[in-house]
Amino acid sequence: MNLLLPFYLHKAGAGFPSPATDYVEEDIDLNIHLIKNTPATFVIRVQGKSMSDVGICDGDILIVDKSLKPKNFSTVIANINGDLVVKNFVKEKNLKFLSSGSKNFNDRIVINENSDIFIWGVVTYVIHSTY
């Protein structure tokens, strides 16, 4: 599915205002910019607040690539005992675990050969509503 949206030539400054223009350079397909491996990519909505300290909020939409291997501190979608969760993947010495990274949640989940944990994919983008 192609999603074409207007793409403006000028950038929006985050500092001092610049003159606005109505000039549209071209249409942009967000799939090209947000999805690198289409067959391995899925989208999922966040439910809950445990990841809000790292900027992932309740209701956000995540773009997830199943073909990527998680690196240290990657945000991942994991299947834990049949439930899907969004967590940070952390490696410390010989220990691997999942965590929200939040001060308000003590949710360190150790990954070992006996755990029923499967990493479904790595979060590549977070779509967050500002209102």
Protein backbone atom coordinates (compact mmCIF):
# COMPACT_ATOMS: atom_id res chain seq x y z
CA MET A 1 0.00 0.00 0.00
CA ASN A 2 1.41 3.37 -0.98
CA LEU A 3 0.76 6.36 1.22
CA LEU A 4 1.60 9.58 -0.62
CA LEU A 5 1.72 12.83 1.34
CA PRO A 6 2.93 16.30 0.31
CA PHE A 7 6.65 16.83 0.98
CA TYR A 8 7.69 20.46 1.46
CA LEU A 9 11.00 21.68 0.07
CA HIS A 10 11.78 23.90 3.06
CA LYS A 11 12.66 22.50 6.44
CA ALA A 12 10.88 23.55 9.62
CA GLY A 13 13.34 25.35 11.86
CA ALA A 14 13.49 24.39 15.51
CA GLY A 15 15.15 27.66 16.43
CA PHE A 16 14.48 31.04 14.87
CA PRO A 17 11.47 31.40 12.54
CA SER A 18 12.08 31.37 8.80
CA PRO A 19 9.78 32.59 6.04
CA ALA A 20 7.08 30.07 5.20
CA THR A 21 6.38 28.93 1.67
CA ASP A 22 3.58 27.02 0.02
CA TYR A 23 5.92 25.28 -2.40
CA VAL A 24 5.54 21.51 -2.42
CA GLU A 25 8.57 19.71 -3.84
CA GLU A 26 6.95 16.34 -4.47
CA ASP A 27 4.77 13.69 -2.90
CA ILE A 28 6.53 11.41 -0.46
CA ASP A 29 5.77 7.75 0.22
CA LEU A 30 6.30 7.11 3.93
CA ASN A 31 6.83 3.41 3.24
CA ILE A 32 10.10 4.26 1.47
CA HIS A 33 11.37 6.25 4.47
CA LEU A 34 10.00 4.19 7.36
CA ILE A 35 10.21 0.61 6.10
CA LYS A 36 13.49 -0.96 5.01
CA ASN A 37 12.41 -4.61 4.76
CA THR A 38 8.72 -4.80 3.83
CA PRO A 39 8.20 -8.58 4.23
CA ALA A 40 9.72 -8.49 7.72
CA THR A 41 7.96 -5.34 8.96
CA PHE A 42 4.81 -4.99 11.02
CA VAL A 43 3.07 -2.20 12.89
CA ILE A 44 1.74 -2.47 16.45
CA ARG A 45 0.04 -0.05 18.86
CA VAL A 46 1.39 0.45 22.40
CA GLN A 47 -0.89 -0.18 25.34
CA GLY A 48 0.39 0.93 28.73
CA LYS A 49 2.77 3.44 30.27
CA SER A 50 5.85 1.45 31.30
CA MET A 51 7.96 2.81 28.40
CA SER A 52 7.00 6.48 28.77
CA ASP A 53 10.38 7.35 30.36
CA VAL A 54 12.03 6.48 27.03
CA GLY A 55 9.47 8.41 24.95
CA ILE A 56 7.09 5.57 24.04
CA CYS A 57 3.60 6.38 25.26
CA ASP A 58 0.24 4.67 25.52
CA GLY A 59 -1.38 4.69 22.06
CA ASP A 60 1.85 5.22 20.08
CA ILE A 61 2.32 3.22 16.90
CA LEU A 62 5.55 1.27 16.51
CA ILE A 63 7.15 0.14 13.27
CA VAL A 64 8.94 -3.14 13.93
CA ASP A 65 11.44 -5.02 11.75
CA LYS A 66 11.59 -8.78 12.43
CA SER A 67 14.78 -9.20 10.36
CA LEU A 68 16.96 -7.08 12.68
CA LYS A 69 18.97 -8.58 15.53
CA PRO A 70 18.61 -6.54 18.70
CA LYS A 71 21.67 -4.59 19.84
CA ASN A 72 22.30 -3.49 23.40
CA PHE A 73 19.53 -1.07 24.46
CA SER A 74 17.44 -1.72 21.33
CA THR A 75 13.71 -1.36 21.85
CA VAL A 76 12.04 -4.63 20.94
CA ILE A 77 8.71 -6.37 20.76
CA ALA A 78 8.95 -9.62 22.71
CA ASN A 79 6.62 -12.52 23.29
CA ILE A 80 6.77 -13.43 26.98
CA ASN A 81 4.73 -16.49 27.88
CA GLY A 82 2.32 -15.70 25.03
CA ASP A 83 1.95 -11.96 25.78
CA LEU A 84 3.43 -9.25 23.53
CA VAL A 85 5.38 -6.49 25.29
CA VAL A 86 7.56 -3.57 24.26
CA LYS A 87 10.80 -3.40 26.25
CA ASN A 88 14.47 -2.45 25.98
CA PHE A 89 16.86 -5.32 25.26
CA VAL A 90 19.92 -5.07 27.54
CA LYS A 91 23.16 -7.06 27.64
CA GLU A 92 25.41 -6.84 30.72
CA LYS A 93 28.38 -9.20 30.82
CA ASN A 94 26.87 -12.69 30.32
CA LEU A 95 23.34 -11.56 31.21
CA LYS A 96 20.58 -10.63 28.76
CA PHE A 97 17.33 -9.11 29.96
CA LEU A 98 14.34 -6.97 29.01
CA SER A 99 13.43 -3.80 30.88
CA SER A 100 11.32 -0.69 30.48
CA GLY A 101 14.15 1.46 31.79
CA SER A 102 11.62 3.27 33.97
CA LYS A 103 12.31 4.31 37.53
CA ASN A 104 8.67 3.57 38.36
CA PHE A 105 8.69 -0.06 37.19
CA ASN A 106 10.86 -2.85 38.54
CA ASP A 107 10.43 -5.08 35.51
CA ARG A 108 13.78 -6.65 34.68
CA ILE A 109 13.01 -9.92 32.85
CA VAL A 110 16.03 -12.20 32.48
CA ILE A 111 16.39 -14.02 29.16
CA ASN A 112 17.96 -17.47 29.35
CA GLU A 113 17.56 -20.85 27.69
CA ASN A 114 14.82 -21.81 30.19
CA SER A 115 12.66 -18.71 29.69
CA ASP A 116 9.67 -18.64 27.38
CA ILE A 117 10.78 -15.38 25.71
CA PHE A 118 11.00 -14.76 21.99
CA ILE A 119 12.12 -11.44 20.43
CA TRP A 120 9.67 -10.73 17.59
CA GLY A 121 11.48 -7.71 16.21
CA VAL A 122 13.31 -4.44 16.74
CA VAL A 123 11.41 -1.16 16.89
CA THR A 124 12.71 1.10 14.13
CA TYR A 125 10.29 4.05 14.44
CA VAL A 126 7.81 5.38 16.97
CA ILE A 127 4.83 7.36 15.69
CA HIS A 128 3.76 9.57 18.54
CA SER A 129 0.82 11.93 18.62
CA THR A 130 1.61 15.33 20.11
CA TYR A 131 -1.97 16.01 21.16
